[in-house]
Amino acid sequence: MMANKRWTTEDVEDLRTRVAAGQTVPRIAADLQRSQEATRARMQMLGLTKPRQFKAERIVADVAVIEFAEQ
C-alpha cells in the first residue's frame, strides 16, 4: 500500500463501481491498494456513504425483526 497515493479519475470510477456492487470497504481497499481509512474518507467525500442515522434506523429495524421472530 502506498502512502499518500493520489486518487486518479480511474480510481474514483472503480471505487464508485465497487460500492454500487456492494463490495465491502476492506475488499475495496485491498483491491485498490489503499488503507480502509483512505477508502472510507474518499467514499464520504464522494457522497457514497449513508448518514449514520440511516444505519441506526436499519439496526433498530433489524432488532425489531429479531424480537418479533423470537416470540
Protein backbone atom coordinates (compact mmCIF):
# COMPACT_ATOMS: atom_id res chain seq x y z
CA MET A 1 0.00 0.00 0.00
CA MET A 2 1.42 3.37 -0.98
CA ALA A 3 1.28 6.27 1.42
CA ASN A 4 -0.43 9.37 0.05
CA LYS A 5 -1.18 7.79 -3.32
CA ARG A 6 -3.29 10.22 -5.35
CA TRP A 7 -6.77 9.22 -6.46
CA THR A 8 -6.99 9.16 -10.25
CA THR A 9 -10.20 9.50 -12.25
CA GLU A 10 -9.97 5.77 -12.95
CA ASP A 11 -9.59 5.00 -9.22
CA VAL A 12 -12.69 7.04 -8.40
CA GLU A 13 -14.75 5.34 -11.11
CA ASP A 14 -13.54 1.95 -9.89
CA LEU A 15 -14.50 2.92 -6.33
CA ARG A 16 -17.98 4.02 -7.44
CA THR A 17 -18.49 0.76 -9.35
CA ARG A 18 -17.36 -1.38 -6.42
CA VAL A 19 -19.57 0.49 -3.93
CA ALA A 20 -22.56 0.16 -6.25
CA ALA A 21 -21.84 -3.59 -6.50
CA GLY A 22 -21.97 -3.82 -2.71
CA GLN A 23 -18.34 -4.73 -2.10
CA THR A 24 -17.05 -4.24 1.44
CA VAL A 25 -14.63 -1.49 2.40
CA PRO A 26 -11.86 -3.97 3.33
CA ARG A 27 -12.18 -5.66 -0.07
CA ILE A 28 -12.26 -2.38 -1.99
CA ALA A 29 -9.30 -1.01 -0.04
CA ALA A 30 -7.22 -4.13 -0.66
CA ASP A 31 -8.05 -4.21 -4.38
CA LEU A 32 -7.24 -0.51 -4.79
CA GLN A 33 -4.14 -0.79 -2.59
CA ARG A 34 -5.44 1.84 -0.16
CA SER A 35 -6.00 1.89 3.56
CA GLN A 36 -9.54 1.32 4.77
CA GLU A 37 -9.46 4.80 6.30
CA ALA A 38 -8.48 6.40 2.98
CA THR A 39 -11.14 4.40 1.17
CA ARG A 40 -13.87 5.41 3.65
CA ALA A 41 -12.75 9.04 3.52
CA ARG A 42 -12.96 9.10 -0.28
CA MET A 43 -16.36 7.40 -0.20
CA GLN A 44 -17.61 10.03 2.22
CA MET A 45 -16.13 12.84 0.12
CA LEU A 46 -17.94 11.47 -2.94
CA GLY A 47 -21.23 11.05 -1.09
CA LEU A 48 -21.12 7.26 -1.39
CA THR A 49 -21.81 6.62 2.28
CA LYS A 50 -25.12 6.74 4.07
CA PRO A 51 -25.52 9.08 7.02
CA ARG A 52 -25.14 7.35 10.36
CA GLN A 53 -28.81 7.95 11.16
CA PHE A 54 -29.82 5.62 8.32
CA LYS A 55 -27.51 2.94 9.69
CA ALA A 56 -29.01 3.43 13.15
CA GLU A 57 -32.53 3.12 11.73
CA ARG A 58 -31.56 -0.09 9.95
CA ILE A 59 -30.16 -1.54 13.19
CA VAL A 60 -33.36 -0.66 15.07
CA ALA A 61 -35.43 -2.30 12.33
CA ASP A 62 -33.25 -5.44 12.43
CA VAL A 63 -33.63 -5.69 16.21
CA ALA A 64 -37.41 -5.37 15.89
CA VAL A 65 -37.48 -8.20 13.34
CA ILE A 66 -35.34 -10.42 15.57
CA GLU A 67 -37.51 -9.71 18.62
CA PHE A 68 -40.66 -10.47 16.60
CA ALA A 69 -39.17 -13.73 15.32
CA GLU A 70 -38.28 -14.83 18.86
CA GLN A 71 -41.89 -14.53 20.05
